[in-house]
Each structure stands twice: as structure tokens, then as C-alpha cells.
Amino acid sequence: MSDRNLGLRALKKLQTRENISNKATGLFLERGFDNVTIAEVAAAAQVSKMTVTNYFPRKEDLALDLRDAFVGGPVEAVRERGPGESALAALRRAHLAAVRAHDPVIGFSGPVFARMITDSPALVARLREFHDEREKALAGLLAEETGADADDIRPKAAAVQLIGVLRLLFEEILALTLDGRDNDEIARIAEGHAETAFGALEPSLAGYAARSAA
């Protein structure tokens, strides 16, 4: 198969995935996540139920379609930290940039979407799994980056603290959204929250996993 055909095939898959996700989101926002079936999503997207589940094995992931960015974001920020930059500093810098960009990955979802999430026990539970997944992913990276022994608990302890702050900040942005604040106001408040929360970790993590200046 030619590179062109491979490219067209990948594009078609991406378009199909986006169509399914968009149709599902529209239905969820209109009727509530728990009131929509996979069959109804398939009908709206004009595909089979099997096609929907091939792209989205779990119904929750139709609504929370940013899972990869959510789970992988902290790992990417730490992996790409600059010379002399600690894991804490890298995550704070990345989070503040996301706040200023009103990034939906950190909670800037709009009140209708935020309420859809909080009204669904299934989505709340899936988000909890996402937080756990990125904590484990970050712990693994920190262990690798610091050369920690298998029985060294420090990477896990650092990951618990760092992801705990990110989880708190996500929930605060969600709460502010549900409170009816606009994104500019949320960003102003969230920036202050981030500085305070990350600052609280400085006594223990200010120099942890700092990249060599060389």
C-alpha cells in the first residue's frame, strides 16, 4: 500500500473518530451522559455499534476524549524540563501556561460540560481513574529520571504530591466553572491557586529531579 493510501486511511480513521466523539458529546450535553446509549451514539454518527466500541471501548471515554493528553501531560512536562529545572518547576510552568490558554484538559470545559461530568457517577469515577493513571505514569518517569532503586519510595511519594496538586487545581477550576464564573475570571483565580498549591510543595520538592545544567 502506498504512503498516500496509508495517509488517507489514517485521515479517514481520525475523521470517523472525531465524528463519533462530536455526535456523542452533543447527545450527552443535551440529555445527560447516563441517559444516552451506545446504540444512540452509533445512530447519530451513522456507524455501527461495533465501530463506536472499536474507537471507544468504554462509554465514558466518549465524553472524556482528552484522556491521553490528561494522563500524559504531566509526564511530558517533566520529561521536557529544561536544564536546572525540577519536576515541580516544570509542572508549575506547564500548568500556568495551560491556565492562561484556558486549556480544557485542566478543566476549562464550560458550565454545561462541567455539570454533565459532575452529574454522572460513571464519569466522576472515570476521572478518578485518570488521576490514578497519571500518578503512576509520573512515578515511573521520576524513578527512571532519578535512577531510583526498585524499592525507593521517593518517586512515588513525589508523584502523589505533584498529581495531588494537579487534581486539586482541576477540581477547583471545575467548581469555579459550575459557579458561573467566566474563563478570564477563572484563570485569574486559578493562577493564584496554582502558585499557592505548588509553593506549598517547595520545601520538599524544590530540587527533586532537577535536570543537570550540563
N, C-alpha and C. Protein backbone atom coordinates (compact mmCIF):
# COMPACT_ATOMS: atom_id res chain seq x y z
N MET A 1 0.85 -1.19 0.00
CA MET A 1 0.00 0.00 0.00
C MET A 1 0.89 1.24 0.00
N SER A 2 0.56 2.23 -0.81
CA SER A 2 1.39 3.42 -0.92
C SER A 2 1.28 4.29 0.31
N ASP A 3 2.30 5.17 0.48
CA ASP A 3 2.27 6.11 1.61
C ASP A 3 1.03 7.00 1.53
N ARG A 4 0.64 7.33 0.29
CA ARG A 4 -0.54 8.19 0.12
C ARG A 4 -1.79 7.48 0.62
N ASN A 5 -1.92 6.20 0.26
CA ASN A 5 -3.09 5.45 0.71
C ASN A 5 -3.10 5.28 2.22
N LEU A 6 -1.90 5.05 2.78
CA LEU A 6 -1.80 4.94 4.23
C LEU A 6 -2.21 6.24 4.90
N GLY A 7 -1.81 7.37 4.28
CA GLY A 7 -2.17 8.67 4.83
C GLY A 7 -3.65 8.92 4.77
N LEU A 8 -4.28 8.55 3.66
CA LEU A 8 -5.72 8.72 3.51
C LEU A 8 -6.49 7.83 4.48
N ARG A 9 -5.97 6.62 4.68
CA ARG A 9 -6.62 5.70 5.60
C ARG A 9 -6.57 6.24 7.03
N ALA A 10 -5.40 6.76 7.43
CA ALA A 10 -5.27 7.33 8.77
C ALA A 10 -6.17 8.54 8.95
N LEU A 11 -6.27 9.36 7.89
CA LEU A 11 -7.13 10.55 7.95
C LEU A 11 -8.59 10.14 8.09
N LYS A 12 -8.99 9.11 7.36
CA LYS A 12 -10.39 8.65 7.44
C LYS A 12 -10.69 8.15 8.85
N LYS A 13 -9.74 7.42 9.45
CA LYS A 13 -9.94 6.93 10.82
C LYS A 13 -10.08 8.09 11.79
N LEU A 14 -9.23 9.09 11.62
CA LEU A 14 -9.30 10.26 12.50
C LEU A 14 -10.63 10.98 12.35
N GLN A 15 -11.10 11.12 11.12
CA GLN A 15 -12.37 11.79 10.87
C GLN A 15 -13.53 11.00 11.47
N THR A 16 -13.47 9.69 11.34
CA THR A 16 -14.53 8.84 11.92
C THR A 16 -14.54 8.98 13.43
N ARG A 17 -13.36 8.95 14.03
CA ARG A 17 -13.27 9.07 15.49
C ARG A 17 -13.82 10.41 15.96
N GLU A 18 -13.45 11.49 15.26
CA GLU A 18 -13.91 12.82 15.64
C GLU A 18 -15.41 12.94 15.47
N ASN A 19 -15.95 12.35 14.41
CA ASN A 19 -17.39 12.39 14.17
C ASN A 19 -18.14 11.69 15.29
N ILE A 20 -17.67 10.51 15.67
CA ILE A 20 -18.32 9.76 16.75
C ILE A 20 -18.26 10.57 18.04
N SER A 21 -17.08 11.10 18.36
CA SER A 21 -16.91 11.88 19.59
C SER A 21 -17.81 13.10 19.61
N ASN A 22 -17.88 13.82 18.50
CA ASN A 22 -18.70 15.03 18.43
C ASN A 22 -20.18 14.73 18.57
N LYS A 23 -20.64 13.67 17.89
CA LYS A 23 -22.05 13.31 17.99
C LYS A 23 -22.39 12.86 19.41
N ALA A 24 -21.49 12.09 20.02
CA ALA A 24 -21.73 11.62 21.38
C ALA A 24 -21.79 12.79 22.35
N THR A 25 -20.85 13.71 22.22
CA THR A 25 -20.82 14.86 23.12
C THR A 25 -22.10 15.68 23.00
N GLY A 26 -22.58 15.88 21.78
CA GLY A 26 -23.82 16.61 21.59
C GLY A 26 -25.00 15.94 22.29
N LEU A 27 -25.09 14.64 22.17
CA LEU A 27 -26.16 13.90 22.84
C LEU A 27 -26.02 13.96 24.35
N PHE A 28 -24.80 13.81 24.85
CA PHE A 28 -24.58 13.83 26.30
C PHE A 28 -24.94 15.19 26.89
N LEU A 29 -24.56 16.25 26.20
CA LEU A 29 -24.85 17.59 26.70
C LEU A 29 -26.35 17.88 26.67
N GLU A 30 -27.01 17.34 25.69
CA GLU A 30 -28.46 17.58 25.55
C GLU A 30 -29.27 16.78 26.56
N ARG A 31 -28.88 15.51 26.79
CA ARG A 31 -29.73 14.62 27.57
C ARG A 31 -29.08 14.08 28.84
N GLY A 32 -27.79 14.32 29.03
CA GLY A 32 -27.10 13.76 30.17
C GLY A 32 -26.39 12.47 29.80
N PHE A 33 -25.20 12.28 30.32
CA PHE A 33 -24.38 11.13 29.93
C PHE A 33 -25.08 9.80 30.18
N ASP A 34 -25.67 9.65 31.36
CA ASP A 34 -26.25 8.37 31.74
C ASP A 34 -27.53 8.04 30.98
N ASN A 35 -28.09 9.02 30.27
CA ASN A 35 -29.36 8.80 29.56
C ASN A 35 -29.18 8.48 28.08
N VAL A 36 -27.94 8.36 27.64
CA VAL A 36 -27.66 8.10 26.23
C VAL A 36 -26.99 6.73 26.10
N THR A 37 -27.42 5.94 25.13
CA THR A 37 -26.85 4.61 24.92
C THR A 37 -25.83 4.63 23.78
N ILE A 38 -24.99 3.60 23.74
CA ILE A 38 -24.03 3.45 22.64
C ILE A 38 -24.76 3.33 21.32
N ALA A 39 -25.89 2.63 21.32
CA ALA A 39 -26.68 2.47 20.10
C ALA A 39 -27.14 3.82 19.56
N GLU A 40 -27.53 4.73 20.44
CA GLU A 40 -27.98 6.05 20.01
C GLU A 40 -26.82 6.87 19.47
N VAL A 41 -25.65 6.73 20.07
CA VAL A 41 -24.45 7.40 19.55
C VAL A 41 -24.13 6.88 18.15
N ALA A 42 -24.18 5.57 17.98
CA ALA A 42 -23.89 4.97 16.68
C ALA A 42 -24.87 5.46 15.62
N ALA A 43 -26.14 5.54 15.98
CA ALA A 43 -27.15 6.01 15.02
C ALA A 43 -26.90 7.47 14.63
N ALA A 44 -26.55 8.29 15.62
CA ALA A 44 -26.30 9.70 15.33
C ALA A 44 -25.07 9.89 14.45
N ALA A 45 -24.05 9.04 14.66
CA ALA A 45 -22.82 9.14 13.88
C ALA A 45 -22.89 8.36 12.58
N GLN A 46 -23.99 7.62 12.38
CA GLN A 46 -24.21 6.81 11.19
C GLN A 46 -23.12 5.75 11.01
N VAL A 47 -22.81 5.10 12.12
CA VAL A 47 -21.87 3.97 12.10
C VAL A 47 -22.48 2.85 12.94
N SER A 48 -21.84 1.69 12.93
CA SER A 48 -22.33 0.57 13.72
C SER A 48 -21.90 0.71 15.18
N LYS A 49 -22.59 -0.02 16.06
CA LYS A 49 -22.19 -0.05 17.47
C LYS A 49 -20.76 -0.57 17.61
N MET A 50 -20.40 -1.56 16.79
CA MET A 50 -19.06 -2.13 16.86
C MET A 50 -18.01 -1.08 16.50
N THR A 51 -18.33 -0.23 15.53
CA THR A 51 -17.39 0.83 15.17
C THR A 51 -17.17 1.78 16.34
N VAL A 52 -18.24 2.14 17.02
CA VAL A 52 -18.12 3.02 18.19
C VAL A 52 -17.22 2.39 19.24
N THR A 53 -17.47 1.13 19.56
CA THR A 53 -16.68 0.47 20.62
C THR A 53 -15.26 0.16 20.17
N ASN A 54 -15.03 0.05 18.87
CA ASN A 54 -13.65 -0.11 18.39
C ASN A 54 -12.82 1.13 18.67
N TYR A 55 -13.43 2.29 18.51
CA TYR A 55 -12.73 3.55 18.76
C TYR A 55 -12.77 3.94 20.23
N PHE A 56 -13.85 3.59 20.90
CA PHE A 56 -14.05 3.96 22.30
C PHE A 56 -14.55 2.74 23.08
N PRO A 57 -13.63 1.91 23.58
CA PRO A 57 -14.04 0.68 24.28
C PRO A 57 -14.93 0.94 25.50
N ARG A 58 -14.78 2.11 26.11
CA ARG A 58 -15.60 2.45 27.26
C ARG A 58 -16.46 3.67 26.94
N LYS A 59 -17.70 3.60 27.31
CA LYS A 59 -18.62 4.71 27.03
C LYS A 59 -18.11 6.02 27.62
N GLU A 60 -17.52 5.94 28.81
CA GLU A 60 -17.04 7.15 29.48
C GLU A 60 -16.01 7.90 28.63
N ASP A 61 -15.25 7.16 27.84
CA ASP A 61 -14.21 7.81 27.05
C ASP A 61 -14.76 8.55 25.84
N LEU A 62 -16.03 8.31 25.51
CA LEU A 62 -16.69 9.14 24.51
C LEU A 62 -16.85 10.57 25.01
N ALA A 63 -17.11 10.71 26.29
CA ALA A 63 -17.29 12.04 26.88
C ALA A 63 -15.95 12.64 27.29
N LEU A 64 -15.05 11.81 27.79
CA LEU A 64 -13.75 12.28 28.26
C LEU A 64 -12.71 11.91 27.21
N ASP A 65 -12.79 12.58 26.08
CA ASP A 65 -12.00 12.21 24.91
C ASP A 65 -10.57 12.73 24.97
N LEU A 66 -10.21 13.46 26.02
CA LEU A 66 -8.86 14.01 26.15
C LEU A 66 -8.01 13.20 27.12
N ARG A 67 -8.34 11.92 27.26
CA ARG A 67 -7.66 11.06 28.23
C ARG A 67 -6.14 11.04 28.02
N ASP A 68 -5.69 10.88 26.78
CA ASP A 68 -4.26 10.76 26.53
C ASP A 68 -3.51 12.03 26.94
N ALA A 69 -4.08 13.19 26.61
CA ALA A 69 -3.44 14.46 26.99
C ALA A 69 -3.50 14.65 28.50
N PHE A 70 -4.61 14.25 29.12
CA PHE A 70 -4.77 14.41 30.56
C PHE A 70 -3.77 13.54 31.32
N VAL A 71 -3.67 12.27 30.94
CA VAL A 71 -2.79 11.35 31.64
C VAL A 71 -1.33 11.62 31.29
N GLY A 72 -1.07 11.90 30.01
CA GLY A 72 0.32 12.05 29.57
C GLY A 72 0.91 13.43 29.75
N GLY A 73 0.07 14.44 30.00
CA GLY A 73 0.57 15.80 30.10
C GLY A 73 1.64 16.01 31.16
N PRO A 74 1.42 15.58 32.40
CA PRO A 74 2.45 15.77 33.43
C PRO A 74 3.76 15.07 33.10
N VAL A 75 3.67 13.88 32.55
CA VAL A 75 4.88 13.15 32.16
C VAL A 75 5.64 13.92 31.08
N GLU A 76 4.92 14.42 30.10
CA GLU A 76 5.56 15.18 29.03
C GLU A 76 6.23 16.44 29.56
N ALA A 77 5.54 17.14 30.47
CA ALA A 77 6.11 18.37 31.02
C ALA A 77 7.41 18.10 31.77
N VAL A 78 7.43 17.04 32.54
CA VAL A 78 8.64 16.71 33.31
C VAL A 78 9.73 16.19 32.39
N ARG A 79 9.37 15.37 31.43
CA ARG A 79 10.37 14.82 30.52
C ARG A 79 11.06 15.92 29.72
N GLU A 80 10.33 16.98 29.39
CA GLU A 80 10.87 18.04 28.56
C GLU A 80 11.37 19.24 29.38
N ARG A 81 11.55 19.06 30.70
CA ARG A 81 12.01 20.17 31.54
C ARG A 81 13.39 20.64 31.09
N GLY A 82 13.66 21.90 31.36
CA GLY A 82 14.92 22.48 30.92
C GLY A 82 16.06 22.23 31.88
N PRO A 83 17.27 22.60 31.49
CA PRO A 83 18.44 22.44 32.36
C PRO A 83 18.25 23.18 33.68
N GLY A 84 18.53 22.47 34.78
CA GLY A 84 18.39 23.06 36.10
C GLY A 84 16.96 23.10 36.62
N GLU A 85 15.99 22.68 35.81
CA GLU A 85 14.58 22.74 36.20
C GLU A 85 14.17 21.46 36.91
N SER A 86 13.49 21.60 38.03
CA SER A 86 13.00 20.45 38.78
C SER A 86 11.66 19.96 38.22
N ALA A 87 11.24 18.79 38.67
CA ALA A 87 9.93 18.29 38.27
C ALA A 87 8.83 19.24 38.71
N LEU A 88 8.94 19.75 39.93
CA LEU A 88 7.95 20.69 40.45
C LEU A 88 7.88 21.94 39.60
N ALA A 89 9.03 22.51 39.27
CA ALA A 89 9.05 23.73 38.47
C ALA A 89 8.48 23.50 37.08
N ALA A 90 8.78 22.34 36.50
CA ALA A 90 8.28 22.04 35.16
C ALA A 90 6.76 21.92 35.15
N LEU A 91 6.21 21.25 36.16
CA LEU A 91 4.75 21.08 36.23
C LEU A 91 4.06 22.41 36.51
N ARG A 92 4.65 23.22 37.38
CA ARG A 92 4.06 24.53 37.65
C ARG A 92 4.04 25.39 36.38
N ARG A 93 5.17 25.40 35.66
CA ARG A 93 5.25 26.19 34.44
C ARG A 93 4.22 25.72 33.41
N ALA A 94 4.12 24.39 33.23
CA ALA A 94 3.18 23.85 32.25
C ALA A 94 1.73 24.15 32.65
N HIS A 95 1.44 24.02 33.95
CA HIS A 95 0.07 24.26 34.40
C HIS A 95 -0.31 25.73 34.23
N LEU A 96 0.58 26.64 34.58
CA LEU A 96 0.26 28.06 34.44
C LEU A 96 0.06 28.44 32.98
N ALA A 97 0.83 27.84 32.09
CA ALA A 97 0.63 28.08 30.66
C ALA A 97 -0.74 27.58 30.22
N ALA A 98 -1.16 26.44 30.74
CA ALA A 98 -2.47 25.89 30.41
C ALA A 98 -3.59 26.76 30.97
N VAL A 99 -3.40 27.31 32.15
CA VAL A 99 -4.39 28.23 32.74
C VAL A 99 -4.57 29.44 31.83
N ARG A 100 -3.47 30.01 31.40
CA ARG A 100 -3.55 31.21 30.55
C ARG A 100 -4.17 30.91 29.19
N ALA A 101 -4.04 29.66 28.75
CA ALA A 101 -4.62 29.26 27.47
C ALA A 101 -6.06 28.77 27.60
N HIS A 102 -6.59 28.76 28.84
CA HIS A 102 -7.94 28.23 29.10
C HIS A 102 -8.07 26.81 28.54
N ASP A 103 -7.08 25.99 28.83
CA ASP A 103 -7.00 24.64 28.27
C ASP A 103 -8.07 23.72 28.86
N PRO A 104 -8.90 23.09 28.02
CA PRO A 104 -9.93 22.18 28.55
C PRO A 104 -9.36 20.97 29.28
N VAL A 105 -8.11 20.60 28.99
CA VAL A 105 -7.50 19.45 29.66
C VAL A 105 -7.39 19.67 31.17
N ILE A 106 -7.23 20.92 31.59
CA ILE A 106 -7.10 21.19 33.03
C ILE A 106 -8.42 21.66 33.66
N GLY A 107 -9.52 21.60 32.88
CA GLY A 107 -10.82 21.88 33.48
C GLY A 107 -11.63 22.99 32.86
N PHE A 108 -11.08 23.72 31.89
CA PHE A 108 -11.83 24.80 31.25
C PHE A 108 -12.79 24.19 30.23
N SER A 109 -13.91 23.69 30.73
CA SER A 109 -14.81 22.91 29.89
C SER A 109 -16.14 23.59 29.59
N GLY A 110 -16.43 24.68 30.28
CA GLY A 110 -17.73 25.32 30.14
C GLY A 110 -18.73 24.71 31.12
N PRO A 111 -19.72 25.49 31.56
CA PRO A 111 -20.63 25.03 32.63
C PRO A 111 -21.48 23.82 32.25
N VAL A 112 -21.92 23.73 31.00
CA VAL A 112 -22.78 22.61 30.61
C VAL A 112 -21.99 21.30 30.66
N PHE A 113 -20.78 21.32 30.11
CA PHE A 113 -19.95 20.12 30.12
C PHE A 113 -19.53 19.76 31.54
N ALA A 114 -19.18 20.77 32.33
CA ALA A 114 -18.78 20.51 33.72
C ALA A 114 -19.91 19.88 34.51
N ARG A 115 -21.12 20.36 34.28
CA ARG A 115 -22.26 19.79 35.01
C ARG A 115 -22.55 18.37 34.54
N MET A 116 -22.36 18.12 33.24
CA MET A 116 -22.55 16.77 32.74
C MET A 116 -21.62 15.79 33.45
N ILE A 117 -20.38 16.21 33.67
CA ILE A 117 -19.41 15.35 34.35
C ILE A 117 -19.82 15.12 35.80
N THR A 118 -20.07 16.19 36.52
CA THR A 118 -20.35 16.06 37.95
C THR A 118 -21.68 15.39 38.25
N ASP A 119 -22.60 15.42 37.28
CA ASP A 119 -23.90 14.76 37.47
C ASP A 119 -23.85 13.25 37.21
N SER A 120 -22.73 12.78 36.68
CA SER A 120 -22.63 11.36 36.32
C SER A 120 -21.63 10.64 37.21
N PRO A 121 -22.07 9.74 38.08
CA PRO A 121 -21.13 8.96 38.90
C PRO A 121 -20.12 8.19 38.04
N ALA A 122 -20.54 7.74 36.87
CA ALA A 122 -19.63 6.98 36.00
C ALA A 122 -18.49 7.85 35.50
N LEU A 123 -18.79 9.09 35.13
CA LEU A 123 -17.74 9.99 34.65
C LEU A 123 -16.83 10.44 35.79
N VAL A 124 -17.39 10.68 36.94
CA VAL A 124 -16.57 11.05 38.11
C VAL A 124 -15.61 9.92 38.44
N ALA A 125 -16.10 8.68 38.38
CA ALA A 125 -15.24 7.53 38.65
C ALA A 125 -14.16 7.37 37.60
N ARG A 126 -14.50 7.62 36.33
CA ARG A 126 -13.51 7.50 35.26
C ARG A 126 -12.43 8.57 35.40
N LEU A 127 -12.82 9.77 35.78
CA LEU A 127 -11.84 10.82 36.03
C LEU A 127 -10.89 10.43 37.15
N ARG A 128 -11.42 9.79 38.19
CA ARG A 128 -10.58 9.32 39.29
C ARG A 128 -9.54 8.33 38.78
N GLU A 129 -9.95 7.48 37.85
CA GLU A 129 -9.01 6.53 37.26
C GLU A 129 -7.92 7.27 36.47
N PHE A 130 -8.31 8.32 35.76
CA PHE A 130 -7.33 9.11 35.01
C PHE A 130 -6.27 9.70 35.95
N HIS A 131 -6.72 10.24 37.07
CA HIS A 131 -5.79 10.81 38.04
C HIS A 131 -4.83 9.72 38.55
N ASP A 132 -5.37 8.55 38.83
CA ASP A 132 -4.52 7.45 39.30
C ASP A 132 -3.52 7.01 38.23
N GLU A 133 -3.97 6.99 36.98
CA GLU A 133 -3.10 6.58 35.88
C GLU A 133 -1.94 7.55 35.71
N ARG A 134 -2.20 8.83 35.80
CA ARG A 134 -1.10 9.76 35.58
C ARG A 134 -0.17 9.83 36.79
N GLU A 135 -0.70 9.52 37.96
CA GLU A 135 0.18 9.42 39.12
C GLU A 135 1.19 8.29 38.94
N LYS A 136 0.70 7.14 38.48
CA LYS A 136 1.59 6.00 38.25
C LYS A 136 2.58 6.29 37.12
N ALA A 137 2.10 6.93 36.07
CA ALA A 137 2.97 7.26 34.95
C ALA A 137 4.07 8.22 35.38
N LEU A 138 3.72 9.22 36.17
CA LEU A 138 4.71 10.19 36.63
C LEU A 138 5.70 9.53 37.58
N ALA A 139 5.22 8.67 38.46
CA ALA A 139 6.11 7.97 39.38
C ALA A 139 7.13 7.14 38.60
N GLY A 140 6.67 6.48 37.54
CA GLY A 140 7.58 5.69 36.72
C GLY A 140 8.65 6.54 36.07
N LEU A 141 8.25 7.70 35.54
CA LEU A 141 9.22 8.59 34.90
C LEU A 141 10.22 9.13 35.92
N LEU A 142 9.72 9.54 37.09
CA LEU A 142 10.62 10.08 38.11
C LEU A 142 11.64 9.04 38.57
N ALA A 143 11.18 7.80 38.70
CA ALA A 143 12.11 6.73 39.08
C ALA A 143 13.19 6.57 38.02
N GLU A 144 12.79 6.63 36.76
CA GLU A 144 13.74 6.50 35.66
C GLU A 144 14.70 7.68 35.61
N GLU A 145 14.16 8.86 35.74
CA GLU A 145 14.98 10.07 35.62
C GLU A 145 15.97 10.23 36.78
N THR A 146 15.60 9.75 37.95
CA THR A 146 16.49 9.90 39.11
C THR A 146 17.34 8.66 39.36
N GLY A 147 17.14 7.61 38.56
CA GLY A 147 17.91 6.38 38.76
C GLY A 147 17.58 5.69 40.07
N ALA A 148 16.35 5.80 40.49
CA ALA A 148 15.95 5.25 41.79
C ALA A 148 15.94 3.72 41.76
N ASP A 149 16.27 3.12 42.88
CA ASP A 149 16.17 1.67 43.01
C ASP A 149 14.70 1.26 43.03
N ALA A 150 14.44 -0.01 42.77
CA ALA A 150 13.07 -0.52 42.71
C ALA A 150 12.33 -0.32 44.03
N ASP A 151 13.06 -0.37 45.15
CA ASP A 151 12.40 -0.23 46.46
C ASP A 151 12.46 1.19 47.00
N ASP A 152 12.89 2.15 46.18
CA ASP A 152 12.95 3.55 46.60
C ASP A 152 11.56 4.16 46.47
N ILE A 153 11.01 4.63 47.57
CA ILE A 153 9.63 5.14 47.57
C ILE A 153 9.55 6.61 47.16
N ARG A 154 10.69 7.29 47.05
CA ARG A 154 10.65 8.73 46.78
C ARG A 154 9.96 9.10 45.47
N PRO A 155 10.18 8.40 44.37
CA PRO A 155 9.45 8.79 43.15
C PRO A 155 7.93 8.68 43.32
N LYS A 156 7.48 7.65 44.00
CA LYS A 156 6.04 7.50 44.23
C LYS A 156 5.52 8.60 45.16
N ALA A 157 6.29 8.90 46.20
CA ALA A 157 5.87 9.95 47.13
C ALA A 157 5.80 11.31 46.44
N ALA A 158 6.77 11.59 45.57
CA ALA A 158 6.76 12.85 44.83
C ALA A 158 5.59 12.91 43.87
N ALA A 159 5.33 11.80 43.20
CA ALA A 159 4.22 11.77 42.24
C ALA A 159 2.88 11.96 42.93
N VAL A 160 2.71 11.35 44.10
CA VAL A 160 1.47 11.53 44.86
C VAL A 160 1.24 13.00 45.17
N GLN A 161 2.28 13.70 45.60
CA GLN A 161 2.15 15.12 45.95
C GLN A 161 1.88 15.98 44.71
N LEU A 162 2.63 15.73 43.65
CA LEU A 162 2.51 16.57 42.46
C LEU A 162 1.17 16.36 41.75
N ILE A 163 0.78 15.11 41.60
CA ILE A 163 -0.51 14.84 40.95
C ILE A 163 -1.66 15.23 41.87
N GLY A 164 -1.44 15.13 43.18
CA GLY A 164 -2.47 15.59 44.12
C GLY A 164 -2.77 17.07 43.94
N VAL A 165 -1.74 17.87 43.72
CA VAL A 165 -1.94 19.30 43.48
C VAL A 165 -2.67 19.51 42.16
N LEU A 166 -2.27 18.79 41.12
CA LEU A 166 -2.96 18.94 39.83
C LEU A 166 -4.42 18.54 39.92
N ARG A 167 -4.68 17.50 40.70
CA ARG A 167 -6.07 17.06 40.87
C ARG A 167 -6.86 18.14 41.61
N LEU A 168 -6.31 18.69 42.66
CA LEU A 168 -6.97 19.76 43.41
C LEU A 168 -7.26 20.95 42.50
N LEU A 169 -6.28 21.35 41.71
CA LEU A 169 -6.45 22.51 40.83
C LEU A 169 -7.51 22.24 39.76
N PHE A 170 -7.55 21.02 39.24
CA PHE A 170 -8.59 20.64 38.27
C PHE A 170 -9.98 20.78 38.90
N GLU A 171 -10.12 20.26 40.11
CA GLU A 171 -11.41 20.31 40.79
C GLU A 171 -11.82 21.74 41.12
N GLU A 172 -10.84 22.58 41.44
CA GLU A 172 -11.15 23.99 41.73
C GLU A 172 -11.65 24.70 40.48
N ILE A 173 -11.01 24.43 39.34
CA ILE A 173 -11.45 25.05 38.09
C ILE A 173 -12.84 24.56 37.72
N LEU A 174 -13.11 23.29 37.94
CA LEU A 174 -14.44 22.74 37.67
C LEU A 174 -15.48 23.43 38.56
N ALA A 175 -15.15 23.60 39.84
CA ALA A 175 -16.07 24.24 40.78
C ALA A 175 -16.34 25.70 40.39
N LEU A 176 -15.31 26.41 39.99
CA LEU A 176 -15.47 27.80 39.57
C LEU A 176 -16.34 27.88 38.31
N THR A 177 -16.17 26.92 37.43
CA THR A 177 -16.99 26.86 36.21
C THR A 177 -18.45 26.66 36.56
N LEU A 178 -18.72 25.73 37.45
CA LEU A 178 -20.09 25.45 37.86
C LEU A 178 -20.69 26.64 38.62
N ASP A 179 -19.82 27.44 39.21
CA ASP A 179 -20.28 28.62 39.94
C ASP A 179 -20.66 29.77 39.01
N GLY A 180 -20.45 29.58 37.72
CA GLY A 180 -20.85 30.58 36.75
C GLY A 180 -19.80 31.62 36.42
N ARG A 181 -18.57 31.42 36.87
CA ARG A 181 -17.51 32.38 36.54
C ARG A 181 -17.11 32.23 35.07
N ASP A 182 -16.73 33.35 34.44
CA ASP A 182 -16.26 33.23 33.06
C ASP A 182 -14.79 32.81 33.06
N ASN A 183 -14.29 32.42 31.90
CA ASN A 183 -12.96 31.85 31.82
C ASN A 183 -11.86 32.81 32.25
N ASP A 184 -12.02 34.09 31.95
CA ASP A 184 -10.99 35.06 32.35
C ASP A 184 -10.91 35.16 33.87
N GLU A 185 -12.05 35.18 34.53
CA GLU A 185 -12.05 35.25 35.99
C GLU A 185 -11.51 33.94 36.59
N ILE A 186 -11.94 32.83 36.01
CA ILE A 186 -11.43 31.53 36.48
C ILE A 186 -9.92 31.49 36.36
N ALA A 187 -9.39 31.97 35.25
CA ALA A 187 -7.95 31.94 35.03
C ALA A 187 -7.21 32.78 36.07
N ARG A 188 -7.77 33.94 36.39
CA ARG A 188 -7.12 34.80 37.40
C ARG A 188 -7.08 34.10 38.76
N ILE A 189 -8.19 33.51 39.14
CA ILE A 189 -8.25 32.81 40.42
C ILE A 189 -7.37 31.56 40.39
N ALA A 190 -7.45 30.81 39.30
CA ALA A 190 -6.71 29.56 39.19
C ALA A 190 -5.20 29.79 39.20
N GLU A 191 -4.76 30.90 38.65
CA GLU A 191 -3.33 31.20 38.67
C GLU A 191 -2.84 31.40 40.10
N GLY A 192 -3.62 32.10 40.88
CA GLY A 192 -3.26 32.28 42.29
C GLY A 192 -3.28 30.98 43.06
N HIS A 193 -4.30 30.15 42.79
CA HIS A 193 -4.38 28.84 43.45
C HIS A 193 -3.15 28.00 43.11
N ALA A 194 -2.74 28.04 41.84
CA ALA A 194 -1.60 27.23 41.40
C ALA A 194 -0.32 27.68 42.10
N GLU A 195 -0.12 28.97 42.18
CA GLU A 195 1.09 29.47 42.83
C GLU A 195 1.12 29.03 44.30
N THR A 196 -0.02 29.11 44.97
CA THR A 196 -0.10 28.72 46.38
C THR A 196 0.12 27.22 46.56
N ALA A 197 -0.57 26.43 45.74
CA ALA A 197 -0.50 24.97 45.90
C ALA A 197 0.87 24.42 45.55
N PHE A 198 1.43 24.84 44.44
CA PHE A 198 2.77 24.38 44.09
C PHE A 198 3.81 24.92 45.07
N GLY A 199 3.58 26.15 45.53
CA GLY A 199 4.51 26.72 46.51
C GLY A 199 4.57 25.92 47.79
N ALA A 200 3.46 25.31 48.17
CA ALA A 200 3.43 24.51 49.39
C ALA A 200 4.32 23.27 49.29
N LEU A 201 4.64 22.86 48.07
CA LEU A 201 5.49 21.68 47.88
C LEU A 201 6.98 22.01 47.81
N GLU A 202 7.30 23.28 47.76
CA GLU A 202 8.71 23.66 47.58
C GLU A 202 9.63 23.16 48.68
N PRO A 203 9.23 23.19 49.95
CA PRO A 203 10.18 22.71 50.98
C PRO A 203 10.67 21.29 50.75
N SER A 204 9.82 20.45 50.18
CA SER A 204 10.23 19.05 49.99
C SER A 204 10.65 18.71 48.57
N LEU A 205 10.17 19.47 47.57
CA LEU A 205 10.41 19.05 46.19
C LEU A 205 11.07 20.10 45.31
N ALA A 206 11.51 21.19 45.88
CA ALA A 206 12.08 22.27 45.06
C ALA A 206 13.24 21.81 44.20
N GLY A 207 14.06 20.92 44.72
CA GLY A 207 15.22 20.46 43.95
C GLY A 207 15.11 19.05 43.45
N TYR A 208 13.96 18.42 43.65
CA TYR A 208 13.83 17.00 43.31
C TYR A 208 13.77 16.80 41.79
N ALA A 209 14.54 15.85 41.31
CA ALA A 209 14.59 15.51 39.89
C ALA A 209 14.97 16.71 39.03
N ALA A 210 15.81 17.60 39.57
CA ALA A 210 16.27 18.74 38.78
C ALA A 210 17.20 18.22 37.69
N ARG A 211 17.00 18.68 36.48
CA ARG A 211 17.84 18.26 35.36
C ARG A 211 19.19 18.93 35.45
N SER A 212 20.22 18.19 35.16
CA SER A 212 21.57 18.74 35.20
C SER A 212 21.70 19.91 34.25
N ALA A 213 22.35 20.96 34.72
CA ALA A 213 22.55 22.14 33.88
C ALA A 213 23.44 21.83 32.68
N ALA A 214 24.20 20.76 32.78
CA ALA A 214 25.07 20.37 31.66
C ALA A 214 24.27 19.73 30.55
